[in-house]
Amino acid sequence: MLFNLLQDATGTTGSQGLGFSTIMIVAMIAIFYFLLIRPQKKQEKETKKMIDALKKGDKIVTIGGIYGVVSSVKDNSVVVKVDSEAKIEFTKTAIARVVNESEEKAVAKTAKDKESSKDDK
């Protein structure tokens, strides 16, 4: 409807209307690229960089929410120490993020707060 109004207002028909349609399609593709595809590619690069930089002793979180410390790194997997004796082997793609010190403190504080609220009841 808007296209028809523009066409009537400008008095254009035929090939000029086709040019406007082509411009609109190219604009839509550009919008999709910059809003969807480009950020996803950037995130994939950052994730690959993080996985490639994994080393023994890194504190990590898996996509399943398991916290642990990297015990050893293999070609396609990592062995994660989740308890004093328990070790689990994950594929590298199962690592969601490497935990930094500030995140670790926040998690510890949250756990401590939960324990104190249980003790109060």
PDB file of N, CA and C in Angstrom:
ATOM      1  N   MET A   1       0.823  -1.180   0.000  1.00  0.00           N
ATOM      2  CA  MET A   1       0.000   0.000   0.000  1.00  0.00           C
ATOM      3  C   MET A   1       0.878   1.258   0.000  1.00  0.00           C
ATOM      4  N   LEU A   2       1.882   1.278   0.871  1.00  0.00           N
ATOM      5  CA  LEU A   2       2.789   2.426   0.930  1.00  0.00           C
ATOM      6  C   LEU A   2       3.529   2.572  -0.393  1.00  0.00           C
ATOM      7  N   PHE A   3       3.931   1.430  -0.969  1.00  0.00           N
ATOM      8  CA  PHE A   3       4.629   1.456  -2.253  1.00  0.00           C
ATOM      9  C   PHE A   3       3.730   2.051  -3.324  1.00  0.00           C
ATOM     10  N   ASN A   4       2.451   1.684  -3.326  1.00  0.00           N
ATOM     11  CA  ASN A   4       1.508   2.219  -4.314  1.00  0.00           C
ATOM     12  C   ASN A   4       1.326   3.722  -4.131  1.00  0.00           C
ATOM     13  N   LEU A   5       1.243   4.190  -2.880  1.00  0.00           N
ATOM     14  CA  LEU A   5       1.107   5.624  -2.630  1.00  0.00           C
ATOM     15  C   LEU A   5       2.327   6.386  -3.126  1.00  0.00           C
ATOM     16  N   LEU A   6       3.519   5.835  -2.864  1.00  0.00           N
ATOM     17  CA  LEU A   6       4.745   6.481  -3.341  1.00  0.00           C
ATOM     18  C   LEU A   6       4.784   6.506  -4.865  1.00  0.00           C
ATOM     19  N   GLN A   7       4.333   5.400  -5.452  1.00  0.00           N
ATOM     20  CA  GLN A   7       4.346   5.308  -6.904  1.00  0.00           C
ATOM     21  C   GLN A   7       3.370   6.329  -7.498  1.00  0.00           C
ATOM     22  N   ASP A   8       2.184   6.473  -6.909  1.00  0.00           N
ATOM     23  CA  ASP A   8       1.200   7.437  -7.403  1.00  0.00           C
ATOM     24  C   ASP A   8       1.696   8.869  -7.215  1.00  0.00           C
ATOM     25  N   ALA A   9       2.337   9.131  -6.077  1.00  0.00           N
ATOM     26  CA  ALA A   9       2.796  10.488  -5.781  1.00  0.00           C
ATOM     27  C   ALA A   9       3.916  10.917  -6.723  1.00  0.00           C
ATOM     28  N   THR A  10       4.793   9.990  -7.056  1.00  0.00           N
ATOM     29  CA  THR A  10       5.916  10.342  -7.923  1.00  0.00           C
ATOM     30  C   THR A  10       5.578  10.164  -9.391  1.00  0.00           C
ATOM     31  N   GLY A  11       4.513   9.410  -9.677  1.00  0.00           N
ATOM     32  CA  GLY A  11       4.118   9.190 -11.058  1.00  0.00           C
ATOM     33  C   GLY A  11       5.014   8.205 -11.768  1.00  0.00           C
ATOM     34  N   THR A  12       5.726   7.354 -11.024  1.00  0.00           N
ATOM     35  CA  THR A  12       6.629   6.405 -11.649  1.00  0.00           C
ATOM     36  C   THR A  12       5.934   5.071 -11.839  1.00  0.00           C
ATOM     37  N   THR A  13       6.321   4.393 -12.868  1.00  0.00           N
ATOM     38  CA  THR A  13       5.813   3.038 -13.128  1.00  0.00           C
ATOM     39  C   THR A  13       6.924   2.221 -13.750  1.00  0.00           C
ATOM     40  N   GLY A  14       6.710   0.928 -13.840  1.00  0.00           N
ATOM     41  CA  GLY A  14       7.621   0.071 -14.578  1.00  0.00           C
ATOM     42  C   GLY A  14       8.976  -0.097 -13.941  1.00  0.00           C
ATOM     43  N   SER A  15      10.027   0.248 -14.685  1.00  0.00           N
ATOM     44  CA  SER A  15      11.391  -0.028 -14.268  1.00  0.00           C
ATOM     45  C   SER A  15      11.819   0.793 -13.053  1.00  0.00           C
ATOM     46  N   GLN A  16      11.274   1.985 -12.894  1.00  0.00           N
ATOM     47  CA  GLN A  16      11.632   2.782 -11.719  1.00  0.00           C
ATOM     48  C   GLN A  16      11.074   2.151 -10.454  1.00  0.00           C
ATOM     49  N   GLY A  17       9.898   1.550 -10.503  1.00  0.00           N
ATOM     50  CA  GLY A  17       9.319   0.837  -9.366  1.00  0.00           C
ATOM     51  C   GLY A  17      10.147  -0.388  -9.034  1.00  0.00           C
ATOM     52  N   LEU A  18      10.703  -1.040 -10.035  1.00  0.00           N
ATOM     53  CA  LEU A  18      11.557  -2.207  -9.839  1.00  0.00           C
ATOM     54  C   LEU A  18      12.852  -1.806  -9.140  1.00  0.00           C
ATOM     55  N   GLY A  19      13.371  -0.652  -9.467  1.00  0.00           N
ATOM     56  CA  GLY A  19      14.586  -0.160  -8.815  1.00  0.00           C
ATOM     57  C   GLY A  19      14.358   0.112  -7.342  1.00  0.00           C
ATOM     58  N   PHE A  20      13.217   0.676  -7.008  1.00  0.00           N
ATOM     59  CA  PHE A  20      12.872   0.933  -5.614  1.00  0.00           C
ATOM     60  C   PHE A  20      12.758  -0.386  -4.849  1.00  0.00           C
ATOM     61  N   SER A  21      12.140  -1.390  -5.453  1.00  0.00           N
ATOM     62  CA  SER A  21      12.001  -2.708  -4.813  1.00  0.00           C
ATOM     63  C   SER A  21      13.368  -3.332  -4.571  1.00  0.00           C
ATOM     64  N   THR A  22      14.247  -3.207  -5.524  1.00  0.00           N
ATOM     65  CA  THR A  22      15.593  -3.763  -5.395  1.00  0.00           C
ATOM     66  C   THR A  22      16.340  -3.086  -4.245  1.00  0.00           C
ATOM     67  N   ILE A  23      16.204  -1.785  -4.143  1.00  0.00           N
ATOM     68  CA  ILE A  23      16.859  -1.047  -3.061  1.00  0.00           C
ATOM     69  C   ILE A  23      16.320  -1.501  -1.712  1.00  0.00           C
ATOM     70  N   MET A  24      15.019  -1.704  -1.615  1.00  0.00           N
ATOM     71  CA  MET A  24      14.409  -2.147  -0.361  1.00  0.00           C
ATOM     72  C   MET A  24      14.902  -3.548   0.031  1.00  0.00           C
ATOM     73  N   ILE A  25      15.025  -4.440  -0.941  1.00  0.00           N
ATOM     74  CA  ILE A  25      15.515  -5.801  -0.659  1.00  0.00           C
ATOM     75  C   ILE A  25      16.960  -5.750  -0.176  1.00  0.00           C
ATOM     76  N   VAL A  26      17.792  -4.959  -0.824  1.00  0.00           N
ATOM     77  CA  VAL A  26      19.193  -4.821  -0.410  1.00  0.00           C
ATOM     78  C   VAL A  26      19.271  -4.218   0.990  1.00  0.00           C
ATOM     79  N   ALA A  27      18.422  -3.247   1.276  1.00  0.00           N
ATOM     80  CA  ALA A  27      18.404  -2.640   2.616  1.00  0.00           C
ATOM     81  C   ALA A  27      18.000  -3.665   3.672  1.00  0.00           C
ATOM     82  N   MET A  28      17.019  -4.501   3.374  1.00  0.00           N
ATOM     83  CA  MET A  28      16.588  -5.541   4.324  1.00  0.00           C
ATOM     84  C   MET A  28      17.717  -6.540   4.583  1.00  0.00           C
ATOM     85  N   ILE A  29      18.419  -6.940   3.552  1.00  0.00           N
ATOM     86  CA  ILE A  29      19.541  -7.874   3.709  1.00  0.00           C
ATOM     87  C   ILE A  29      20.627  -7.239   4.568  1.00  0.00           C
ATOM     88  N   ALA A  30      20.909  -5.967   4.348  1.00  0.00           N
ATOM     89  CA  ALA A  30      21.927  -5.270   5.142  1.00  0.00           C
ATOM     90  C   ALA A  30      21.508  -5.192   6.609  1.00  0.00           C
ATOM     91  N   ILE A  31      20.238  -4.926   6.859  1.00  0.00           N
ATOM     92  CA  ILE A  31      19.746  -4.866   8.241  1.00  0.00           C
ATOM     93  C   ILE A  31      19.896  -6.215   8.919  1.00  0.00           C
ATOM     94  N   PHE A  32      19.495  -7.297   8.234  1.00  0.00           N
ATOM     95  CA  PHE A  32      19.648  -8.634   8.804  1.00  0.00           C
ATOM     96  C   PHE A  32      21.111  -8.946   9.099  1.00  0.00           C
ATOM     97  N   TYR A  33      22.000  -8.554   8.187  1.00  0.00           N
ATOM     98  CA  TYR A  33      23.424  -8.821   8.390  1.00  0.00           C
ATOM     99  C   TYR A  33      23.935  -8.126   9.644  1.00  0.00           C
ATOM    100  N   PHE A  34      23.656  -6.833   9.774  1.00  0.00           N
ATOM    101  CA  PHE A  34      24.209  -6.075  10.891  1.00  0.00           C
ATOM    102  C   PHE A  34      23.523  -6.362  12.225  1.00  0.00           C
ATOM    103  N   LEU A  35      22.268  -6.790  12.214  1.00  0.00           N
ATOM    104  CA  LEU A  35      21.561  -7.065  13.463  1.00  0.00           C
ATOM    105  C   LEU A  35      21.622  -8.519  13.909  1.00  0.00           C
ATOM    106  N   LEU A  36      21.773  -9.449  12.968  1.00  0.00           N
ATOM    107  CA  LEU A  36      21.730 -10.867  13.322  1.00  0.00           C
ATOM    108  C   LEU A  36      23.030 -11.618  13.039  1.00  0.00           C
ATOM    109  N   ILE A  37      23.487 -11.578  11.838  1.00  0.00           N
ATOM    110  CA  ILE A  37      24.605 -12.427  11.414  1.00  0.00           C
ATOM    111  C   ILE A  37      25.931 -11.944  11.993  1.00  0.00           C
ATOM    112  N   ARG A  38      26.224 -10.675  11.880  1.00  0.00           N
ATOM    113  CA  ARG A  38      27.508 -10.146  12.343  1.00  0.00           C
ATOM    114  C   ARG A  38      27.739 -10.345  13.844  1.00  0.00           C
ATOM    115  N   PRO A  39      26.765 -10.023  14.713  1.00  0.00           N
ATOM    116  CA  PRO A  39      26.987 -10.262  16.142  1.00  0.00           C
ATOM    117  C   PRO A  39      27.181 -11.745  16.475  1.00  0.00           C
ATOM    118  N   GLN A  40      26.475 -12.623  15.764  1.00  0.00           N
ATOM    119  CA  GLN A  40      26.622 -14.053  16.010  1.00  0.00           C
ATOM    120  C   GLN A  40      28.027 -14.519  15.627  1.00  0.00           C
ATOM    121  N   LYS A  41      28.536 -14.067  14.506  1.00  0.00           N
ATOM    122  CA  LYS A  41      29.899 -14.421  14.090  1.00  0.00           C
ATOM    123  C   LYS A  41      30.925 -13.909  15.099  1.00  0.00           C
ATOM    124  N   LYS A  42      30.713 -12.713  15.613  1.00  0.00           N
ATOM    125  CA  LYS A  42      31.626 -12.139  16.601  1.00  0.00           C
ATOM    126  C   LYS A  42      31.630 -12.981  17.875  1.00  0.00           C
ATOM    127  N   GLN A  43      30.448 -13.405  18.321  1.00  0.00           N
ATOM    128  CA  GLN A  43      30.330 -14.240  19.516  1.00  0.00           C
ATOM    129  C   GLN A  43      31.021 -15.588  19.295  1.00  0.00           C
ATOM    130  N   GLU A  44      30.857 -16.176  18.110  1.00  0.00           N
ATOM    131  CA  GLU A  44      31.515 -17.446  17.808  1.00  0.00           C
ATOM    132  C   GLU A  44      33.036 -17.309  17.855  1.00  0.00           C
ATOM    133  N   LYS A  45      33.566 -16.212  17.340  1.00  0.00           N
ATOM    134  CA  LYS A  45      35.014 -15.980  17.378  1.00  0.00           C
ATOM    135  C   LYS A  45      35.517 -15.859  18.818  1.00  0.00           C
ATOM    136  N   GLU A  46      34.774 -15.125  19.653  1.00  0.00           N
ATOM    137  CA  GLU A  46      35.170 -14.962  21.054  1.00  0.00           C
ATOM    138  C   GLU A  46      35.139 -16.304  21.793  1.00  0.00           C
ATOM    139  N   THR A  47      34.122 -17.116  21.529  1.00  0.00           N
ATOM    140  CA  THR A  47      34.011 -18.426  22.170  1.00  0.00           C
ATOM    141  C   THR A  47      35.162 -19.322  21.740  1.00  0.00           C
ATOM    142  N   LYS A  48      35.488 -19.330  20.450  1.00  0.00           N
ATOM    143  CA  LYS A  48      36.601 -20.154  19.951  1.00  0.00           C
ATOM    144  C   LYS A  48      37.916 -19.702  20.576  1.00  0.00           C
ATOM    145  N   LYS A  49      38.092 -18.401  20.688  1.00  0.00           N
ATOM    146  CA  LYS A  49      39.304 -17.850  21.294  1.00  0.00           C
ATOM    147  C   LYS A  49      39.417 -18.287  22.763  1.00  0.00           C
ATOM    148  N   MET A  50      38.290 -18.254  23.494  1.00  0.00           N
ATOM    149  CA  MET A  50      38.270 -18.654  24.897  1.00  0.00           C
ATOM    150  C   MET A  50      38.590 -20.148  25.032  1.00  0.00           C
ATOM    151  N   ILE A  51      38.018 -20.971  24.168  1.00  0.00           N
ATOM    152  CA  ILE A  51      38.251 -22.416  24.225  1.00  0.00           C
ATOM    153  C   ILE A  51      39.706 -22.741  23.892  1.00  0.00           C
ATOM    154  N   ASP A  52      40.257 -22.057  22.908  1.00  0.00           N
ATOM    155  CA  ASP A  52      41.658 -22.296  22.528  1.00  0.00           C
ATOM    156  C   ASP A  52      42.624 -21.875  23.634  1.00  0.00           C
ATOM    157  N   ALA A  53      42.216 -20.921  24.478  1.00  0.00           N
ATOM    158  CA  ALA A  53      43.093 -20.418  25.539  1.00  0.00           C
ATOM    159  C   ALA A  53      42.959 -21.196  26.847  1.00  0.00           C
ATOM    160  N   LEU A  54      42.109 -22.235  26.884  1.00  0.00           N
ATOM    161  CA  LEU A  54      41.950 -23.014  28.117  1.00  0.00           C
ATOM    162  C   LEU A  54      43.264 -23.666  28.515  1.00  0.00           C
ATOM    163  N   LYS A  55      43.542 -23.656  29.826  1.00  0.00           N
ATOM    164  CA  LYS A  55      44.757 -24.293  30.326  1.00  0.00           C
ATOM    165  C   LYS A  55      44.479 -24.894  31.689  1.00  0.00           C
ATOM    166  N   LYS A  56      45.371 -25.726  32.138  1.00  0.00           N
ATOM    167  CA  LYS A  56      45.229 -26.379  33.423  1.00  0.00           C
ATOM    168  C   LYS A  56      45.139 -25.321  34.527  1.00  0.00           C
ATOM    169  N   GLY A  57      44.180 -25.504  35.435  1.00  0.00           N
ATOM    170  CA  GLY A  57      44.011 -24.586  36.547  1.00  0.00           C
ATOM    171  C   GLY A  57      42.942 -23.528  36.330  1.00  0.00           C
ATOM    172  N   ASP A  58      42.430 -23.380  35.101  1.00  0.00           N
ATOM    173  CA  ASP A  58      41.362 -22.409  34.845  1.00  0.00           C
ATOM    174  C   ASP A  58      40.073 -22.862  35.522  1.00  0.00           C
ATOM    175  N   LYS A  59      39.371 -21.922  36.118  1.00  0.00           N
ATOM    176  CA  LYS A  59      38.072 -22.218  36.711  1.00  0.00           C
ATOM    177  C   LYS A  59      37.021 -21.943  35.643  1.00  0.00           C
ATOM    178  N   ILE A  60      36.144 -22.939  35.422  1.00  0.00           N
ATOM    179  CA  ILE A  60      35.192 -22.848  34.317  1.00  0.00           C
ATOM    180  C   ILE A  60      33.779 -23.184  34.773  1.00  0.00           C
ATOM    181  N   VAL A  61      32.823 -22.862  33.895  1.00  0.00           N
ATOM    182  CA  VAL A  61      31.433 -23.269  34.051  1.00  0.00           C
ATOM    183  C   VAL A  61      31.020 -23.928  32.745  1.00  0.00           C
ATOM    184  N   THR A  62      30.382 -25.088  32.838  1.00  0.00           N
ATOM    185  CA  THR A  62      29.919 -25.775  31.628  1.00  0.00           C
ATOM    186  C   THR A  62      28.544 -25.255  31.240  1.00  0.00           C
ATOM    187  N   ILE A  63      28.088 -25.646  30.058  1.00  0.00           N
ATOM    188  CA  ILE A  63      26.761 -25.208  29.618  1.00  0.00           C
ATOM    189  C   ILE A  63      25.669 -25.836  30.465  1.00  0.00           C
ATOM    190  N   GLY A  64      25.999 -26.889  31.212  1.00  0.00           N
ATOM    191  CA  GLY A  64      25.050 -27.509  32.119  1.00  0.00           C
ATOM    192  C   GLY A  64      25.059 -26.883  33.494  1.00  0.00           C
ATOM    193  N   GLY A  65      25.945 -25.905  33.730  1.00  0.00           N
ATOM    194  CA  GLY A  65      25.993 -25.200  34.999  1.00  0.00           C
ATOM    195  C   GLY A  65      26.933 -25.815  36.021  1.00  0.00           C
ATOM    196  N   ILE A  66      27.798 -26.721  35.589  1.00  0.00           N
ATOM    197  CA  ILE A  66      28.734 -27.357  36.509  1.00  0.00           C
ATOM    198  C   ILE A  66      29.993 -26.498  36.623  1.00  0.00           C
ATOM    199  N   TYR A  67      30.352 -26.138  37.872  1.00  0.00           N
ATOM    200  CA  TYR A  67      31.576 -25.383  38.136  1.00  0.00           C
ATOM    201  C   TYR A  67      32.700 -26.369  38.394  1.00  0.00           C
ATOM    202  N   GLY A  68      33.893 -26.043  37.911  1.00  0.00           N
ATOM    203  CA  GLY A  68      35.033 -26.897  38.159  1.00  0.00           C
ATOM    204  C   GLY A  68      36.331 -26.236  37.751  1.00  0.00           C
ATOM    205  N   VAL A  69      37.415 -26.993  37.945  1.00  0.00           N
ATOM    206  CA  VAL A  69      38.757 -26.525  37.598  1.00  0.00           C
ATOM    207  C   VAL A  69      39.318 -27.460  36.547  1.00  0.00           C
ATOM    208  N   VAL A  70      39.897 -26.895  35.498  1.00  0.00           N
ATOM    209  CA  VAL A  70      40.464 -27.712  34.426  1.00  0.00           C
ATOM    210  C   VAL A  70      41.650 -28.489  34.970  1.00  0.00           C
ATOM    211  N   SER A  71      41.570 -29.814  34.841  1.00  0.00           N
ATOM    212  CA  SER A  71      42.633 -30.689  35.316  1.00  0.00           C
ATOM    213  C   SER A  71      43.631 -30.993  34.203  1.00  0.00           C
ATOM    214  N   SER A  72      43.096 -31.218  32.995  1.00  0.00           N
ATOM    215  CA  SER A  72      43.969 -31.415  31.837  1.00  0.00           C
ATOM    216  C   SER A  72      43.199 -31.067  30.566  1.00  0.00           C
ATOM    217  N   VAL A  73      43.954 -30.700  29.532  1.00  0.00           N
ATOM    218  CA  VAL A  73      43.362 -30.315  28.257  1.00  0.00           C
ATOM    219  C   VAL A  73      43.842 -31.295  27.205  1.00  0.00           C
ATOM    220  N   LYS A  74      42.896 -31.863  26.450  1.00  0.00           N
ATOM    221  CA  LYS A  74      43.220 -32.776  25.351  1.00  0.00           C
ATOM    222  C   LYS A  74      42.846 -32.098  24.046  1.00  0.00           C
ATOM    223  N   ASP A  75      42.951 -32.826  22.928  1.00  0.00           N
ATOM    224  CA  ASP A  75      42.656 -32.236  21.621  1.00  0.00           C
ATOM    225  C   ASP A  75      41.232 -31.702  21.527  1.00  0.00           C
ATOM    226  N   ASN A  76      40.246 -32.559  21.819  1.00  0.00           N
ATOM    227  CA  ASN A  76      38.851 -32.163  21.675  1.00  0.00           C
ATOM    228  C   ASN A  76      38.087 -32.141  22.987  1.00  0.00           C
ATOM    229  N   SER A  77      38.764 -32.393  24.089  1.00  0.00           N
ATOM    230  CA  SER A  77      38.068 -32.453  25.372  1.00  0.00           C
ATOM    231  C   SER A  77      38.936 -31.888  26.488  1.00  0.00           C
ATOM    232  N   VAL A  78      38.284 -31.670  27.636  1.00  0.00           N
ATOM    233  CA  VAL A  78      38.985 -31.231  28.837  1.00  0.00           C
ATOM    234  C   VAL A  78      38.509 -32.092  29.996  1.00  0.00           C
ATOM    235  N   VAL A  79      39.414 -32.363  30.926  1.00  0.00           N
ATOM    236  CA  VAL A  79      39.057 -33.077  32.142  1.00  0.00           C
ATOM    237  C   VAL A  79      38.899 -32.018  33.224  1.00  0.00           C
ATOM    238  N   VAL A  80      37.719 -32.004  33.853  1.00  0.00           N
ATOM    239  CA  VAL A  80      37.392 -30.986  34.835  1.00  0.00           C
ATOM    240  C   VAL A  80      37.262 -31.630  36.204  1.00  0.00           C
ATOM    241  N   LYS A  81      37.967 -31.057  37.168  1.00  0.00           N
ATOM    242  CA  LYS A  81      37.888 -31.519  38.551  1.00  0.00           C
ATOM    243  C   LYS A  81      36.743 -30.748  39.210  1.00  0.00           C
ATOM    244  N   VAL A  82      35.679 -31.493  39.612  1.00  0.00           N
ATOM    245  CA  VAL A  82      34.508 -30.835  40.177  1.00  0.00           C
ATOM    246  C   VAL A  82      34.434 -30.971  41.693  1.00  0.00           C
ATOM    247  N   ASP A  83      35.219 -31.885  42.245  1.00  0.00           N
ATOM    248  CA  ASP A  83      35.256 -32.113  43.686  1.00  0.00           C
ATOM    249  C   ASP A  83      36.672 -32.576  44.011  1.00  0.00           C
ATOM    250  N   SER A  84      36.956 -32.829  45.272  1.00  0.00           N
ATOM    251  CA  SER A  84      38.310 -33.222  45.646  1.00  0.00           C
ATOM    252  C   SER A  84      38.740 -34.514  44.949  1.00  0.00           C
ATOM    253  N   GLU A  85      37.792 -35.410  44.642  1.00  0.00           N
ATOM    254  CA  GLU A  85      38.141 -36.669  43.987  1.00  0.00           C
ATOM    255  C   GLU A  85      37.459 -36.862  42.637  1.00  0.00           C
ATOM    256  N   ALA A  86      36.400 -36.146  42.358  1.00  0.00           N
ATOM    257  CA  ALA A  86      35.613 -36.362  41.148  1.00  0.00           C
ATOM    258  C   ALA A  86      36.160 -35.564  39.968  1.00  0.00           C
ATOM    259  N   LYS A  87      36.354 -36.252  38.856  1.00  0.00           N
ATOM    260  CA  LYS A  87      36.786 -35.611  37.613  1.00  0.00           C
ATOM    261  C   LYS A  87      35.831 -36.050  36.507  1.00  0.00           C
ATOM    262  N   ILE A  88      35.469 -35.108  35.662  1.00  0.00           N
ATOM    263  CA  ILE A  88      34.563 -35.376  34.549  1.00  0.00           C
ATOM    264  C   ILE A  88      35.223 -34.876  33.271  1.00  0.00           C
ATOM    265  N   GLU A  89      35.070 -35.646  32.193  1.00  0.00           N
ATOM    266  CA  GLU A  89      35.618 -35.233  30.906  1.00  0.00           C
ATOM    267  C   GLU A  89      34.495 -34.633  30.058  1.00  0.00           C
ATOM    268  N   PHE A  90      34.714 -33.431  29.544  1.00  0.00           N
ATOM    269  CA  PHE A  90      33.753 -32.728  28.701  1.00  0.00           C
ATOM    270  C   PHE A  90      34.391 -32.422  27.354  1.00  0.00           C
ATOM    271  N   THR A  91      33.547 -32.295  26.321  1.00  0.00           N
ATOM    272  CA  THR A  91      34.060 -31.765  25.066  1.00  0.00           C
ATOM    273  C   THR A  91      34.331 -30.282  25.273  1.00  0.00           C
ATOM    274  N   LYS A  92      35.228 -29.736  24.506  1.00  0.00           N
ATOM    275  CA  LYS A  92      35.578 -28.320  24.673  1.00  0.00           C
ATOM    276  C   LYS A  92      34.387 -27.411  24.399  1.00  0.00           C
ATOM    277  N   THR A  93      33.491 -27.840  23.529  1.00  0.00           N
ATOM    278  CA  THR A  93      32.334 -27.002  23.211  1.00  0.00           C
ATOM    279  C   THR A  93      31.321 -26.946  24.353  1.00  0.00           C
ATOM    280  N   ALA A  94      31.479 -27.795  25.371  1.00  0.00           N
ATOM    281  CA  ALA A  94      30.572 -27.779  26.524  1.00  0.00           C
ATOM    282  C   ALA A  94      30.976 -26.735  27.554  1.00  0.00           C
ATOM    283  N   ILE A  95      32.068 -26.037  27.328  1.00  0.00           N
ATOM    284  CA  ILE A  95      32.520 -25.000  28.255  1.00  0.00           C
ATOM    285  C   ILE A  95      31.789 -23.707  27.916  1.00  0.00           C
ATOM    286  N   ALA A  96      31.025 -23.188  28.868  1.00  0.00           N
ATOM    287  CA  ALA A  96      30.264 -21.954  28.632  1.00  0.00           C
ATOM    288  C   ALA A  96      31.143 -20.728  28.830  1.00  0.00           C
ATOM    289  N   ARG A  97      31.918 -20.724  29.923  1.00  0.00           N
ATOM    290  CA  ARG A  97      32.773 -19.561  30.182  1.00  0.00           C
ATOM    291  C   ARG A  97      33.846 -19.898  31.201  1.00  0.00           C
ATOM    292  N   VAL A  98      34.874 -19.075  31.198  1.00  0.00           N
ATOM    293  CA  VAL A  98      35.923 -19.161  32.203  1.00  0.00           C
ATOM    294  C   VAL A  98      35.541 -18.182  33.301  1.00  0.00           C
ATOM    295  N   VAL A  99      35.566 -18.647  34.550  1.00  0.00           N
ATOM    296  CA  VAL A  99      35.142 -17.827  35.682  1.00  0.00           C
ATOM    297  C   VAL A  99      36.314 -16.966  36.133  1.00  0.00           C
ATOM    298  N   ASN A 100      36.074 -15.662  36.227  1.00  0.00           N
ATOM    299  CA  ASN A 100      37.113 -14.792  36.753  1.00  0.00           C
ATOM    300  C   ASN A 100      36.887 -14.596  38.250  1.00  0.00           C
ATOM    301  N   GLU A 101      37.778 -13.908  38.909  1.00  0.00           N
ATOM    302  CA  GLU A 101      37.731 -13.765  40.370  1.00  0.00           C
ATOM    303  C   GLU A 101      36.482 -13.055  40.865  1.00  0.00           C
ATOM    304  N   SER A 102      36.031 -12.035  40.174  1.00  0.00           N
ATOM    305  CA  SER A 102      34.851 -11.294  40.634  1.00  0.00           C
ATOM    306  C   SER A 102      33.595 -12.165  40.558  1.00  0.00           C
ATOM    307  N   GLU A 103      33.480 -12.988  39.500  1.00  0.00           N
ATOM    308  CA  GLU A 103      32.349 -13.906  39.399  1.00  0.00           C
ATOM    309  C   GLU A 103      32.399 -14.935  40.514  1.00  0.00           C
ATOM    310  N   GLU A 104      33.602 -15.423  40.795  1.00  0.00           N
ATOM    311  CA  GLU A 104      33.776 -16.430  41.836  1.00  0.00           C
ATOM    312  C   GLU A 104      33.349 -15.883  43.200  1.00  0.00           C
ATOM    313  N   LYS A 105      33.720 -14.638  43.490  1.00  0.00           N
ATOM    314  CA  LYS A 105      33.337 -14.021  44.759  1.00  0.00           C
ATOM    315  C   LYS A 105      31.826 -13.834  44.843  1.00  0.00           C
ATOM    316  N   ALA A 106      31.206 -13.462  43.735  1.00  0.00           N
ATOM    317  CA  ALA A 106      29.756 -13.260  43.714  1.00  0.00           C
ATOM    318  C   ALA A 106      29.026 -14.575  43.961  1.00  0.00           C
ATOM    319  N   VAL A 107      29.500 -15.653  43.361  1.00  0.00           N
ATOM    320  CA  VAL A 107      28.886 -16.968  43.558  1.00  0.00           C
ATOM    321  C   VAL A 107      29.053 -17.409  45.008  1.00  0.00           C
ATOM    322  N   ALA A 108      30.248 -17.208  45.567  1.00  0.00           N
ATOM    323  CA  ALA A 108      30.495 -17.593  46.957  1.00  0.00           C
ATOM    324  C   ALA A 108      29.604 -16.784  47.900  1.00  0.00           C
ATOM    325  N   LYS A 109      29.436 -15.497  47.631  1.00  0.00           N
ATOM    326  CA  LYS A 109      28.600 -14.650  48.473  1.00  0.00           C
ATOM    327  C   LYS A 109      27.145 -15.099  48.403  1.00  0.00           C
ATOM    328  N   THR A 110      26.665 -15.421  47.217  1.00  0.00           N
ATOM    329  CA  THR A 110      25.296 -15.883  47.050  1.00  0.00           C
ATOM    330  C   THR A 110      25.069 -17.175  47.821  1.00  0.00           C
ATOM    331  N   ALA A 111      26.021 -18.106  47.727  1.00  0.00           N
ATOM    332  CA  ALA A 111      25.903 -19.375  48.446  1.00  0.00           C
ATOM    333  C   ALA A 111      25.899 -19.137  49.954  1.00  0.00           C
ATOM    334  N   LYS A 112      26.739 -18.224  50.404  1.00  0.00           N
ATOM    335  CA  LYS A 112      26.811 -17.911  51.834  1.00  0.00           C
ATOM    336  C   LYS A 112      25.500 -17.288  52.315  1.00  0.00           C
ATOM    337  N   ASP A 113      24.929 -16.383  51.515  1.00  0.00           N
ATOM    338  CA  ASP A 113      23.659 -15.747  51.859  1.00  0.00           C
ATOM    339  C   ASP A 113      22.531 -16.767  51.944  1.00  0.00           C
ATOM    340  N   LYS A 114      22.533 -17.739  51.031  1.00  0.00           N
ATOM    341  CA  LYS A 114      21.502 -18.780  51.046  1.00  0.00           C
ATOM    342  C   LYS A 114      21.614 -19.634  52.302  1.00  0.00           C
ATOM    343  N   GLU A 115      22.842 -19.957  52.671  1.00  0.00           N
ATOM    344  CA  GLU A 115      23.059 -20.760  53.873  1.00  0.00           C
ATOM    345  C   GLU A 115      22.600 -20.009  55.121  1.00  0.00           C
ATOM    346  N   SER A 116      22.919 -18.721  55.202  1.00  0.00           N
ATOM    347  CA  SER A 116      22.524 -17.948  56.384  1.00  0.00           C
ATOM    348  C   SER A 116      21.016 -17.793  56.462  1.00  0.00           C
ATOM    349  N   SER A 117      20.345 -17.671  55.318  1.00  0.00           N
ATOM    350  CA  SER A 117      18.884 -17.549  55.334  1.00  0.00           C
ATOM    351  C   SER A 117      18.233 -18.865  55.739  1.00  0.00           C
ATOM    352  N   LYS A 118      18.844 -20.000  55.399  1.00  0.00           N
ATOM    353  CA  LYS A 118      18.336 -21.305  55.845  1.00  0.00           C
ATOM    354  C   LYS A 118      18.522 -21.473  57.347  1.00  0.00           C
ATOM    355  N   ASP A 119      19.648 -20.976  57.867  1.00  0.00           N
ATOM    356  CA  ASP A 119      19.925 -21.074  59.300  1.00  0.00           C
ATOM    357  C   ASP A 119      18.958 -20.222  60.107  1.00  0.00           C
ATOM    358  N   ASP A 120      18.523 -19.096  59.541  1.00  0.00           N
ATOM    359  CA  ASP A 120      17.613 -18.203  60.223  1.00  0.00           C
ATOM    360  C   ASP A 120      16.225 -18.825  60.396  1.00  0.00           C
ATOM    361  N   LYS A 121      15.857 -19.687  59.484  1.00  0.00           N
ATOM    362  CA  LYS A 121      14.516 -20.309  59.528  1.00  0.00           C
ATOM    363  C   LYS A 121      14.523 -21.402  60.484  1.00  0.00           C
TER     364      LYS A 121
END
